[in-house]
Amino acid sequence: MLNPSEVATGVSAAWRVFLGRPHPLDGLDMTVEGFWRSFLAPLLALPLYVLHVMAEHRLILDMLPEGAAIEEAVFALSRTVGFLADLAAFPLLMAFLARPLGIGRAYVPLIVIFNWTAPLIAVPLSLPSILLGTGMLGPEPATLLLLVALVLAIAWRYRAARAALGGLPAMAAGLVALDFLLSIVLSQTISRIAGV
C-alpha cells in the first residue's frame, strides 16, 4: 500500500507537470521499487472509476431495446479487465520499444510519472459519464465536457512525457498518441469479447 508521504509526493509531481513547473519529477522514487510501487497510484482513482462504470452501465441499459439486458457481473468484469489491461499495456510495450527508440534511460521516469498522473486525469475523464448517468447533465453538455476532458488528459500526458524525456516534443507527442490509441484498441477489443 502507498503511504501518505508517497501519495503527496506523487500527486504533487503530477500537478507540477500540469502547471509546467521546472523539474516536476524531483522527489519521485525512480528506483526499481519506486517504479513498481507507482503502479499502485492509478488505484487511487478506483472509487471514481467504480462510479464511472456504474453510470456507464446505467446509460447503456437505457439505450438497449426493450427486453435486452447486459449482465451486471459481465459488464463489471469486462471493465475491470480493461482497467488492468490499460494499466499494463503501455509500460509493457514501452519496455520493448524504449531502447530501439533511443529513450531507454527515460523509460522508468516516463512510466512513473504516467502512473502518478493517472489518478488526477481520471477526475475530468470520469466526470461527464457520472454527471450524465445521474441525470445532472444532458447528453450534449456531457459530450462537450468529455471532449474538454480528453484534450486536458492528452495535454497533461504530453507534458508528463516531455518532462520524463527531458524535452523531445515530437517523441513525446508520438508516445502520447501511442498510449491513447492503445487504450482505445484495448477497450474496444475487451468490450467486443465480453459482448458489451
N, C-alpha and C. Protein backbone atom coordinates (compact mmCIF):
# COMPACT_ATOMS: atom_id res chain seq x y z
N MET A 1 0.85 -1.19 0.00
CA MET A 1 0.00 0.00 0.00
C MET A 1 0.88 1.25 0.00
N LEU A 2 0.43 2.28 -0.66
CA LEU A 2 1.16 3.54 -0.69
C LEU A 2 0.97 4.29 0.63
N ASN A 3 2.05 4.88 1.12
CA ASN A 3 1.90 5.66 2.35
C ASN A 3 1.57 7.11 1.99
N PRO A 4 1.04 7.88 2.95
CA PRO A 4 0.61 9.26 2.67
C PRO A 4 1.71 10.14 2.07
N SER A 5 2.95 9.91 2.51
CA SER A 5 4.07 10.71 2.00
C SER A 5 4.30 10.43 0.51
N GLU A 6 4.22 9.16 0.12
CA GLU A 6 4.38 8.80 -1.29
C GLU A 6 3.26 9.42 -2.14
N VAL A 7 2.04 9.35 -1.62
CA VAL A 7 0.90 9.90 -2.35
C VAL A 7 1.08 11.41 -2.53
N ALA A 8 1.46 12.09 -1.45
CA ALA A 8 1.65 13.54 -1.53
C ALA A 8 2.73 13.89 -2.54
N THR A 9 3.84 13.15 -2.53
CA THR A 9 4.94 13.41 -3.46
C THR A 9 4.51 13.15 -4.90
N GLY A 10 3.83 12.02 -5.13
CA GLY A 10 3.41 11.65 -6.47
C GLY A 10 2.37 12.61 -7.05
N VAL A 11 1.38 12.95 -6.25
CA VAL A 11 0.33 13.86 -6.70
C VAL A 11 0.91 15.26 -6.94
N SER A 12 1.82 15.67 -6.07
CA SER A 12 2.47 16.97 -6.23
C SER A 12 3.27 17.02 -7.54
N ALA A 13 3.98 15.93 -7.85
CA ALA A 13 4.75 15.87 -9.10
C ALA A 13 3.82 15.93 -10.30
N ALA A 14 2.72 15.19 -10.24
CA ALA A 14 1.74 15.20 -11.34
C ALA A 14 1.16 16.60 -11.53
N TRP A 15 0.90 17.28 -10.44
CA TRP A 15 0.35 18.62 -10.52
C TRP A 15 1.37 19.61 -11.06
N ARG A 16 2.65 19.46 -10.65
CA ARG A 16 3.71 20.33 -11.17
C ARG A 16 3.88 20.14 -12.68
N VAL A 17 3.72 18.89 -13.14
CA VAL A 17 3.77 18.61 -14.58
C VAL A 17 2.68 19.40 -15.29
N PHE A 18 1.47 19.33 -14.76
CA PHE A 18 0.33 20.03 -15.37
C PHE A 18 0.56 21.54 -15.44
N LEU A 19 1.13 22.09 -14.38
CA LEU A 19 1.37 23.53 -14.31
C LEU A 19 2.60 23.97 -15.10
N GLY A 20 3.39 22.99 -15.58
CA GLY A 20 4.59 23.31 -16.35
C GLY A 20 5.72 23.86 -15.52
N ARG A 21 5.76 23.48 -14.25
CA ARG A 21 6.82 23.95 -13.35
C ARG A 21 8.15 23.29 -13.71
N PRO A 22 9.27 23.95 -13.41
CA PRO A 22 10.57 23.33 -13.68
C PRO A 22 10.84 22.13 -12.75
N HIS A 23 11.54 21.16 -13.27
CA HIS A 23 11.92 19.95 -12.52
C HIS A 23 10.73 19.28 -11.83
N PRO A 24 9.68 18.99 -12.56
CA PRO A 24 8.47 18.45 -11.92
C PRO A 24 8.64 17.04 -11.34
N LEU A 25 9.62 16.30 -11.82
CA LEU A 25 9.78 14.92 -11.35
C LEU A 25 10.65 14.81 -10.11
N ASP A 26 11.20 15.92 -9.65
CA ASP A 26 12.05 15.89 -8.46
C ASP A 26 11.27 15.32 -7.27
N GLY A 27 11.90 14.41 -6.56
CA GLY A 27 11.28 13.81 -5.38
C GLY A 27 10.62 12.48 -5.65
N LEU A 28 10.33 12.18 -6.93
CA LEU A 28 9.72 10.89 -7.25
C LEU A 28 10.74 9.77 -7.09
N ASP A 29 10.29 8.63 -6.61
CA ASP A 29 11.16 7.48 -6.42
C ASP A 29 11.36 6.78 -7.76
N MET A 30 12.56 6.88 -8.31
CA MET A 30 12.87 6.29 -9.62
C MET A 30 13.65 4.98 -9.48
N THR A 31 13.67 4.43 -8.27
CA THR A 31 14.33 3.14 -8.08
C THR A 31 13.43 2.04 -8.65
N VAL A 32 13.95 0.82 -8.69
CA VAL A 32 13.15 -0.31 -9.16
C VAL A 32 11.90 -0.45 -8.29
N GLU A 33 12.08 -0.32 -6.97
CA GLU A 33 10.93 -0.43 -6.06
C GLU A 33 9.94 0.70 -6.31
N GLY A 34 10.45 1.92 -6.51
CA GLY A 34 9.58 3.06 -6.79
C GLY A 34 8.82 2.88 -8.09
N PHE A 35 9.48 2.29 -9.09
CA PHE A 35 8.84 2.00 -10.37
C PHE A 35 7.63 1.09 -10.15
N TRP A 36 7.84 -0.03 -9.43
CA TRP A 36 6.75 -0.99 -9.23
C TRP A 36 5.66 -0.43 -8.33
N ARG A 37 6.05 0.35 -7.33
CA ARG A 37 5.05 0.93 -6.43
C ARG A 37 4.19 1.98 -7.13
N SER A 38 4.73 2.62 -8.16
CA SER A 38 3.96 3.64 -8.89
C SER A 38 2.73 3.03 -9.57
N PHE A 39 2.74 1.71 -9.79
CA PHE A 39 1.57 1.07 -10.40
C PHE A 39 0.38 1.02 -9.44
N LEU A 40 0.62 1.34 -8.17
CA LEU A 40 -0.48 1.44 -7.21
C LEU A 40 -1.19 2.80 -7.33
N ALA A 41 -0.50 3.79 -7.91
CA ALA A 41 -1.06 5.15 -7.99
C ALA A 41 -2.40 5.20 -8.72
N PRO A 42 -2.55 4.55 -9.90
CA PRO A 42 -3.85 4.61 -10.57
C PRO A 42 -5.00 4.04 -9.74
N LEU A 43 -4.66 3.17 -8.78
CA LEU A 43 -5.71 2.59 -7.93
C LEU A 43 -6.33 3.63 -7.00
N LEU A 44 -5.66 4.77 -6.82
CA LEU A 44 -6.23 5.84 -6.00
C LEU A 44 -7.53 6.35 -6.60
N ALA A 45 -7.67 6.20 -7.91
CA ALA A 45 -8.89 6.67 -8.59
C ALA A 45 -9.95 5.58 -8.68
N LEU A 46 -9.73 4.45 -8.03
CA LEU A 46 -10.66 3.33 -8.14
C LEU A 46 -12.09 3.67 -7.71
N PRO A 47 -12.30 4.37 -6.60
CA PRO A 47 -13.70 4.72 -6.24
C PRO A 47 -14.39 5.53 -7.34
N LEU A 48 -13.66 6.46 -7.93
CA LEU A 48 -14.20 7.27 -9.01
C LEU A 48 -14.49 6.40 -10.23
N TYR A 49 -13.59 5.45 -10.50
CA TYR A 49 -13.76 4.56 -11.64
C TYR A 49 -15.00 3.68 -11.45
N VAL A 50 -15.23 3.23 -10.23
CA VAL A 50 -16.42 2.41 -9.94
C VAL A 50 -17.69 3.21 -10.22
N LEU A 51 -17.72 4.48 -9.79
CA LEU A 51 -18.88 5.34 -10.08
C LEU A 51 -19.06 5.52 -11.58
N HIS A 52 -17.96 5.69 -12.29
CA HIS A 52 -17.99 5.84 -13.74
C HIS A 52 -18.58 4.60 -14.40
N VAL A 53 -18.13 3.41 -13.98
CA VAL A 53 -18.62 2.15 -14.56
C VAL A 53 -20.10 1.95 -14.27
N MET A 54 -20.52 2.28 -13.04
CA MET A 54 -21.94 2.16 -12.68
C MET A 54 -22.79 3.08 -13.56
N ALA A 55 -22.33 4.32 -13.74
CA ALA A 55 -23.07 5.28 -14.57
C ALA A 55 -23.10 4.81 -16.02
N GLU A 56 -21.97 4.30 -16.51
CA GLU A 56 -21.89 3.81 -17.89
C GLU A 56 -22.85 2.63 -18.09
N HIS A 57 -22.91 1.74 -17.13
CA HIS A 57 -23.80 0.59 -17.22
C HIS A 57 -25.25 1.05 -17.30
N ARG A 58 -25.61 2.00 -16.46
CA ARG A 58 -26.98 2.52 -16.46
C ARG A 58 -27.32 3.17 -17.80
N LEU A 59 -26.38 3.92 -18.36
CA LEU A 59 -26.60 4.59 -19.65
C LEU A 59 -26.77 3.59 -20.78
N ILE A 60 -25.95 2.54 -20.77
CA ILE A 60 -26.05 1.51 -21.81
C ILE A 60 -27.38 0.78 -21.70
N LEU A 61 -27.82 0.49 -20.50
CA LEU A 61 -29.12 -0.18 -20.30
C LEU A 61 -30.26 0.68 -20.85
N ASP A 62 -30.15 1.98 -20.65
CA ASP A 62 -31.19 2.90 -21.13
C ASP A 62 -31.28 2.92 -22.66
N MET A 63 -30.16 2.62 -23.33
CA MET A 63 -30.13 2.67 -24.80
C MET A 63 -30.48 1.33 -25.45
N LEU A 64 -30.56 0.27 -24.66
CA LEU A 64 -30.86 -1.06 -25.21
C LEU A 64 -32.32 -1.17 -25.60
N PRO A 65 -32.62 -2.02 -26.59
CA PRO A 65 -34.03 -2.26 -26.94
C PRO A 65 -34.79 -2.91 -25.78
N GLU A 66 -36.09 -2.78 -25.81
CA GLU A 66 -36.96 -3.36 -24.78
C GLU A 66 -36.66 -4.84 -24.59
N GLY A 67 -36.45 -5.25 -23.36
CA GLY A 67 -36.23 -6.66 -23.04
C GLY A 67 -34.76 -7.09 -23.10
N ALA A 68 -33.90 -6.29 -23.74
CA ALA A 68 -32.47 -6.62 -23.80
C ALA A 68 -31.80 -6.22 -22.49
N ALA A 69 -30.73 -6.90 -22.16
CA ALA A 69 -30.03 -6.60 -20.90
C ALA A 69 -28.55 -6.98 -21.03
N ILE A 70 -27.77 -6.40 -20.18
CA ILE A 70 -26.35 -6.77 -20.06
C ILE A 70 -26.15 -7.18 -18.61
N GLU A 71 -25.62 -8.38 -18.44
CA GLU A 71 -25.36 -8.86 -17.08
C GLU A 71 -24.41 -7.91 -16.37
N GLU A 72 -24.82 -7.48 -15.19
CA GLU A 72 -24.02 -6.53 -14.42
C GLU A 72 -22.63 -7.10 -14.12
N ALA A 73 -22.58 -8.39 -13.75
CA ALA A 73 -21.30 -9.02 -13.41
C ALA A 73 -20.37 -9.08 -14.61
N VAL A 74 -20.92 -9.40 -15.80
CA VAL A 74 -20.11 -9.46 -17.03
C VAL A 74 -19.59 -8.07 -17.37
N PHE A 75 -20.45 -7.07 -17.25
CA PHE A 75 -20.06 -5.70 -17.55
C PHE A 75 -18.95 -5.25 -16.60
N ALA A 76 -19.14 -5.49 -15.30
CA ALA A 76 -18.14 -5.09 -14.30
C ALA A 76 -16.81 -5.81 -14.54
N LEU A 77 -16.89 -7.11 -14.87
CA LEU A 77 -15.67 -7.87 -15.13
C LEU A 77 -14.94 -7.34 -16.36
N SER A 78 -15.69 -7.03 -17.42
CA SER A 78 -15.05 -6.51 -18.64
C SER A 78 -14.37 -5.18 -18.37
N ARG A 79 -14.99 -4.31 -17.57
CA ARG A 79 -14.39 -3.01 -17.26
C ARG A 79 -13.18 -3.17 -16.32
N THR A 80 -13.22 -4.15 -15.43
CA THR A 80 -12.08 -4.41 -14.54
C THR A 80 -10.89 -4.91 -15.35
N VAL A 81 -11.15 -5.85 -16.24
CA VAL A 81 -10.09 -6.37 -17.12
C VAL A 81 -9.54 -5.23 -17.97
N GLY A 82 -10.42 -4.39 -18.48
CA GLY A 82 -9.99 -3.25 -19.29
C GLY A 82 -9.10 -2.29 -18.51
N PHE A 83 -9.48 -2.01 -17.27
CA PHE A 83 -8.71 -1.12 -16.40
C PHE A 83 -7.31 -1.67 -16.18
N LEU A 84 -7.22 -2.97 -15.84
CA LEU A 84 -5.93 -3.60 -15.57
C LEU A 84 -5.08 -3.73 -16.84
N ALA A 85 -5.73 -4.05 -17.95
CA ALA A 85 -5.00 -4.17 -19.22
C ALA A 85 -4.44 -2.82 -19.63
N ASP A 86 -5.24 -1.77 -19.44
CA ASP A 86 -4.80 -0.42 -19.79
C ASP A 86 -3.62 0.01 -18.93
N LEU A 87 -3.64 -0.40 -17.68
CA LEU A 87 -2.56 -0.08 -16.75
C LEU A 87 -1.25 -0.74 -17.16
N ALA A 88 -1.33 -1.96 -17.71
CA ALA A 88 -0.13 -2.73 -18.04
C ALA A 88 0.35 -2.58 -19.47
N ALA A 89 -0.54 -2.30 -20.41
CA ALA A 89 -0.21 -2.39 -21.84
C ALA A 89 0.89 -1.41 -22.27
N PHE A 90 0.74 -0.13 -21.95
CA PHE A 90 1.73 0.85 -22.41
C PHE A 90 3.10 0.60 -21.79
N PRO A 91 3.20 0.39 -20.47
CA PRO A 91 4.52 0.08 -19.90
C PRO A 91 5.16 -1.16 -20.51
N LEU A 92 4.35 -2.18 -20.78
CA LEU A 92 4.88 -3.40 -21.38
C LEU A 92 5.39 -3.15 -22.80
N LEU A 93 4.60 -2.44 -23.58
CA LEU A 93 5.01 -2.12 -24.95
C LEU A 93 6.28 -1.26 -24.95
N MET A 94 6.33 -0.27 -24.05
CA MET A 94 7.49 0.60 -23.99
C MET A 94 8.74 -0.13 -23.50
N ALA A 95 8.57 -1.19 -22.73
CA ALA A 95 9.73 -1.99 -22.29
C ALA A 95 10.47 -2.54 -23.50
N PHE A 96 9.73 -2.84 -24.57
CA PHE A 96 10.34 -3.35 -25.80
C PHE A 96 10.79 -2.24 -26.75
N LEU A 97 10.10 -1.08 -26.71
CA LEU A 97 10.37 -0.02 -27.68
C LEU A 97 11.36 1.04 -27.20
N ALA A 98 11.52 1.19 -25.90
CA ALA A 98 12.32 2.30 -25.38
C ALA A 98 13.75 2.32 -25.93
N ARG A 99 14.44 1.19 -25.87
CA ARG A 99 15.83 1.15 -26.37
C ARG A 99 15.91 1.41 -27.87
N PRO A 100 15.12 0.69 -28.70
CA PRO A 100 15.18 0.98 -30.14
C PRO A 100 14.85 2.44 -30.48
N LEU A 101 14.00 3.08 -29.67
CA LEU A 101 13.65 4.48 -29.91
C LEU A 101 14.70 5.45 -29.36
N GLY A 102 15.69 4.90 -28.64
CA GLY A 102 16.76 5.73 -28.08
C GLY A 102 16.38 6.46 -26.81
N ILE A 103 15.36 5.95 -26.10
CA ILE A 103 14.91 6.62 -24.87
C ILE A 103 14.94 5.64 -23.69
N GLY A 104 15.87 4.70 -23.73
CA GLY A 104 15.96 3.69 -22.67
C GLY A 104 16.09 4.29 -21.28
N ARG A 105 16.87 5.36 -21.16
CA ARG A 105 17.08 5.98 -19.83
C ARG A 105 15.82 6.69 -19.32
N ALA A 106 14.95 7.05 -20.22
CA ALA A 106 13.72 7.76 -19.84
C ALA A 106 12.58 6.80 -19.51
N TYR A 107 12.78 5.49 -19.71
CA TYR A 107 11.68 4.54 -19.53
C TYR A 107 11.09 4.60 -18.13
N VAL A 108 11.92 4.49 -17.11
CA VAL A 108 11.41 4.48 -15.72
C VAL A 108 10.74 5.81 -15.38
N PRO A 109 11.38 6.96 -15.62
CA PRO A 109 10.68 8.23 -15.32
C PRO A 109 9.36 8.38 -16.08
N LEU A 110 9.33 7.93 -17.34
CA LEU A 110 8.11 8.05 -18.14
C LEU A 110 6.97 7.25 -17.52
N ILE A 111 7.23 6.01 -17.18
CA ILE A 111 6.17 5.16 -16.62
C ILE A 111 5.76 5.63 -15.24
N VAL A 112 6.74 6.03 -14.43
CA VAL A 112 6.43 6.50 -13.07
C VAL A 112 5.53 7.74 -13.13
N ILE A 113 5.88 8.73 -13.96
CA ILE A 113 5.06 9.94 -13.99
C ILE A 113 3.72 9.68 -14.68
N PHE A 114 3.67 8.80 -15.67
CA PHE A 114 2.38 8.44 -16.26
C PHE A 114 1.48 7.80 -15.20
N ASN A 115 2.05 6.92 -14.38
CA ASN A 115 1.25 6.28 -13.33
C ASN A 115 0.75 7.30 -12.32
N TRP A 116 1.57 8.29 -11.99
CA TRP A 116 1.15 9.28 -10.99
C TRP A 116 0.19 10.32 -11.54
N THR A 117 0.21 10.53 -12.86
CA THR A 117 -0.78 11.46 -13.42
C THR A 117 -2.14 10.78 -13.57
N ALA A 118 -2.15 9.46 -13.64
CA ALA A 118 -3.40 8.72 -13.89
C ALA A 118 -4.55 9.05 -12.93
N PRO A 119 -4.32 9.06 -11.60
CA PRO A 119 -5.48 9.34 -10.74
C PRO A 119 -6.03 10.75 -10.88
N LEU A 120 -5.18 11.71 -11.20
CA LEU A 120 -5.67 13.09 -11.36
C LEU A 120 -6.40 13.24 -12.70
N ILE A 121 -5.87 12.60 -13.74
CA ILE A 121 -6.52 12.66 -15.05
C ILE A 121 -7.87 11.96 -15.01
N ALA A 122 -8.00 10.95 -14.14
CA ALA A 122 -9.26 10.19 -14.04
C ALA A 122 -10.43 11.07 -13.60
N VAL A 123 -10.14 12.14 -12.88
CA VAL A 123 -11.22 13.00 -12.38
C VAL A 123 -11.99 13.65 -13.53
N PRO A 124 -11.33 14.43 -14.41
CA PRO A 124 -12.11 15.04 -15.51
C PRO A 124 -12.65 14.01 -16.51
N LEU A 125 -11.93 12.88 -16.68
CA LEU A 125 -12.41 11.88 -17.65
C LEU A 125 -13.65 11.14 -17.16
N SER A 126 -13.77 10.95 -15.86
CA SER A 126 -14.92 10.22 -15.31
C SER A 126 -16.14 11.11 -15.10
N LEU A 127 -15.90 12.37 -14.88
CA LEU A 127 -16.97 13.30 -14.52
C LEU A 127 -18.13 13.33 -15.52
N PRO A 128 -17.86 13.42 -16.84
CA PRO A 128 -19.00 13.52 -17.78
C PRO A 128 -19.97 12.34 -17.69
N SER A 129 -19.45 11.10 -17.63
CA SER A 129 -20.35 9.95 -17.58
C SER A 129 -21.09 9.88 -16.25
N ILE A 130 -20.43 10.27 -15.17
CA ILE A 130 -21.08 10.27 -13.86
C ILE A 130 -22.21 11.30 -13.83
N LEU A 131 -21.94 12.49 -14.33
CA LEU A 131 -22.97 13.55 -14.34
C LEU A 131 -24.11 13.19 -15.29
N LEU A 132 -23.78 12.57 -16.43
CA LEU A 132 -24.81 12.14 -17.37
C LEU A 132 -25.64 11.00 -16.79
N GLY A 133 -24.95 10.03 -16.19
CA GLY A 133 -25.63 8.86 -15.62
C GLY A 133 -26.54 9.19 -14.46
N THR A 134 -26.21 10.25 -13.73
CA THR A 134 -27.05 10.65 -12.60
C THR A 134 -28.12 11.67 -13.00
N GLY A 135 -28.12 12.05 -14.28
CA GLY A 135 -29.12 12.99 -14.76
C GLY A 135 -28.81 14.44 -14.47
N MET A 136 -27.61 14.73 -13.99
CA MET A 136 -27.24 16.11 -13.68
C MET A 136 -26.85 16.89 -14.93
N LEU A 137 -26.50 16.16 -16.01
CA LEU A 137 -26.18 16.79 -17.29
C LEU A 137 -26.89 16.04 -18.40
N GLY A 138 -27.26 16.75 -19.46
CA GLY A 138 -27.82 16.12 -20.63
C GLY A 138 -26.72 15.60 -21.54
N PRO A 139 -27.08 14.87 -22.60
CA PRO A 139 -26.08 14.28 -23.49
C PRO A 139 -25.16 15.30 -24.16
N GLU A 140 -25.70 16.43 -24.62
CA GLU A 140 -24.87 17.41 -25.33
C GLU A 140 -23.83 18.05 -24.42
N PRO A 141 -24.24 18.58 -23.24
CA PRO A 141 -23.21 19.15 -22.36
C PRO A 141 -22.20 18.11 -21.88
N ALA A 142 -22.67 16.87 -21.66
CA ALA A 142 -21.76 15.81 -21.21
C ALA A 142 -20.73 15.49 -22.30
N THR A 143 -21.17 15.48 -23.56
CA THR A 143 -20.25 15.23 -24.68
C THR A 143 -19.22 16.34 -24.78
N LEU A 144 -19.67 17.57 -24.65
CA LEU A 144 -18.75 18.71 -24.69
C LEU A 144 -17.74 18.64 -23.55
N LEU A 145 -18.23 18.31 -22.36
CA LEU A 145 -17.36 18.18 -21.19
C LEU A 145 -16.35 17.05 -21.40
N LEU A 146 -16.78 15.96 -22.01
CA LEU A 146 -15.87 14.84 -22.29
C LEU A 146 -14.78 15.25 -23.28
N LEU A 147 -15.14 16.01 -24.30
CA LEU A 147 -14.14 16.48 -25.27
C LEU A 147 -13.10 17.37 -24.59
N VAL A 148 -13.56 18.25 -23.71
CA VAL A 148 -12.65 19.12 -22.96
C VAL A 148 -11.74 18.26 -22.08
N ALA A 149 -12.32 17.25 -21.43
CA ALA A 149 -11.54 16.36 -20.56
C ALA A 149 -10.49 15.58 -21.34
N LEU A 150 -10.85 15.14 -22.55
CA LEU A 150 -9.89 14.42 -23.40
C LEU A 150 -8.73 15.31 -23.80
N VAL A 151 -9.02 16.54 -24.19
CA VAL A 151 -7.96 17.49 -24.55
C VAL A 151 -7.06 17.73 -23.35
N LEU A 152 -7.65 17.92 -22.19
CA LEU A 152 -6.90 18.13 -20.96
C LEU A 152 -6.01 16.92 -20.65
N ALA A 153 -6.57 15.71 -20.77
CA ALA A 153 -5.82 14.49 -20.48
C ALA A 153 -4.64 14.33 -21.43
N ILE A 154 -4.87 14.58 -22.72
CA ILE A 154 -3.79 14.45 -23.71
C ILE A 154 -2.70 15.49 -23.45
N ALA A 155 -3.10 16.72 -23.14
CA ALA A 155 -2.11 17.77 -22.85
C ALA A 155 -1.30 17.42 -21.61
N TRP A 156 -1.98 16.88 -20.60
CA TRP A 156 -1.31 16.51 -19.34
C TRP A 156 -0.30 15.40 -19.59
N ARG A 157 -0.70 14.37 -20.35
CA ARG A 157 0.20 13.27 -20.69
C ARG A 157 1.39 13.78 -21.51
N TYR A 158 1.12 14.70 -22.42
CA TYR A 158 2.18 15.26 -23.26
C TYR A 158 3.22 15.97 -22.39
N ARG A 159 2.76 16.77 -21.46
CA ARG A 159 3.69 17.46 -20.56
C ARG A 159 4.47 16.47 -19.70
N ALA A 160 3.79 15.41 -19.28
CA ALA A 160 4.46 14.37 -18.48
C ALA A 160 5.54 13.68 -19.31
N ALA A 161 5.21 13.36 -20.55
CA ALA A 161 6.18 12.70 -21.43
C ALA A 161 7.37 13.61 -21.69
N ARG A 162 7.13 14.88 -21.94
CA ARG A 162 8.24 15.82 -22.17
C ARG A 162 9.13 15.93 -20.94
N ALA A 163 8.51 15.97 -19.77
CA ALA A 163 9.30 16.06 -18.54
C ALA A 163 10.17 14.83 -18.36
N ALA A 164 9.62 13.65 -18.65
CA ALA A 164 10.37 12.41 -18.49
C ALA A 164 11.48 12.29 -19.52
N LEU A 165 11.22 12.77 -20.73
CA LEU A 165 12.20 12.66 -21.81
C LEU A 165 13.23 13.78 -21.80
N GLY A 166 12.99 14.81 -20.99
CA GLY A 166 13.90 15.95 -20.97
C GLY A 166 13.76 16.80 -22.22
N GLY A 167 12.56 16.89 -22.74
CA GLY A 167 12.30 17.64 -23.97
C GLY A 167 11.71 16.72 -25.03
N LEU A 168 12.30 16.73 -26.23
CA LEU A 168 11.88 15.88 -27.35
C LEU A 168 10.38 15.96 -27.62
N PRO A 169 9.88 17.13 -28.03
CA PRO A 169 8.44 17.29 -28.22
C PRO A 169 7.81 16.31 -29.20
N ALA A 170 8.48 16.04 -30.32
CA ALA A 170 7.90 15.11 -31.31
C ALA A 170 7.78 13.70 -30.74
N MET A 171 8.82 13.25 -30.03
CA MET A 171 8.79 11.93 -29.41
C MET A 171 7.70 11.86 -28.34
N ALA A 172 7.59 12.92 -27.55
CA ALA A 172 6.57 12.97 -26.50
C ALA A 172 5.18 12.88 -27.11
N ALA A 173 4.95 13.62 -28.20
CA ALA A 173 3.64 13.59 -28.87
C ALA A 173 3.35 12.19 -29.42
N GLY A 174 4.36 11.56 -30.00
CA GLY A 174 4.19 10.21 -30.54
C GLY A 174 3.86 9.19 -29.46
N LEU A 175 4.52 9.29 -28.32
CA LEU A 175 4.27 8.35 -27.22
C LEU A 175 2.87 8.53 -26.64
N VAL A 176 2.43 9.78 -26.53
CA VAL A 176 1.08 10.05 -26.02
C VAL A 176 0.04 9.51 -26.99
N ALA A 177 0.27 9.71 -28.29
CA ALA A 177 -0.65 9.19 -29.30
C ALA A 177 -0.70 7.66 -29.23
N LEU A 178 0.46 7.03 -29.06
CA LEU A 178 0.53 5.58 -28.95
C LEU A 178 -0.25 5.09 -27.73
N ASP A 179 -0.06 5.75 -26.60
CA ASP A 179 -0.76 5.39 -25.37
C ASP A 179 -2.27 5.52 -25.54
N PHE A 180 -2.70 6.62 -26.16
CA PHE A 180 -4.12 6.89 -26.37
C PHE A 180 -4.75 5.85 -27.30
N LEU A 181 -4.09 5.57 -28.42
CA LEU A 181 -4.61 4.59 -29.38
C LEU A 181 -4.63 3.18 -28.78
N LEU A 182 -3.62 2.86 -28.02
CA LEU A 182 -3.56 1.55 -27.37
C LEU A 182 -4.73 1.38 -26.41
N SER A 183 -5.05 2.42 -25.66
CA SER A 183 -6.20 2.38 -24.74
C SER A 183 -7.51 2.15 -25.48
N ILE A 184 -7.68 2.84 -26.61
CA ILE A 184 -8.90 2.69 -27.39
C ILE A 184 -9.03 1.27 -27.94
N VAL A 185 -7.93 0.76 -28.52
CA VAL A 185 -7.95 -0.60 -29.09
C VAL A 185 -8.25 -1.64 -28.02
N LEU A 186 -7.61 -1.51 -26.87
CA LEU A 186 -7.85 -2.46 -25.78
C LEU A 186 -9.29 -2.41 -25.31
N SER A 187 -9.81 -1.20 -25.11
CA SER A 187 -11.18 -1.03 -24.63
C SER A 187 -12.18 -1.65 -25.61
N GLN A 188 -12.00 -1.37 -26.90
CA GLN A 188 -12.92 -1.90 -27.91
C GLN A 188 -12.82 -3.42 -28.01
N THR A 189 -11.60 -3.93 -27.96
CA THR A 189 -11.39 -5.38 -28.07
C THR A 189 -12.04 -6.11 -26.89
N ILE A 190 -11.81 -5.61 -25.68
CA ILE A 190 -12.36 -6.28 -24.49
C ILE A 190 -13.88 -6.18 -24.49
N SER A 191 -14.42 -5.04 -24.91
CA SER A 191 -15.88 -4.89 -24.98
C SER A 191 -16.50 -5.87 -25.98
N ARG A 192 -15.84 -6.03 -27.13
CA ARG A 192 -16.36 -6.96 -28.14
C ARG A 192 -16.32 -8.40 -27.64
N ILE A 193 -15.21 -8.76 -27.00
CA ILE A 193 -15.08 -10.13 -26.48
C ILE A 193 -16.15 -10.39 -25.43
N ALA A 194 -16.38 -9.39 -24.57
CA ALA A 194 -17.37 -9.55 -23.50
C ALA A 194 -18.81 -9.38 -24.00
N GLY A 195 -18.96 -8.83 -25.21
CA GLY A 195 -20.29 -8.61 -25.75
C GLY A 195 -21.03 -7.48 -25.11
N VAL A 196 -20.29 -6.46 -24.65
CA VAL A 196 -20.93 -5.30 -24.00
C VAL A 196 -20.59 -4.02 -24.73
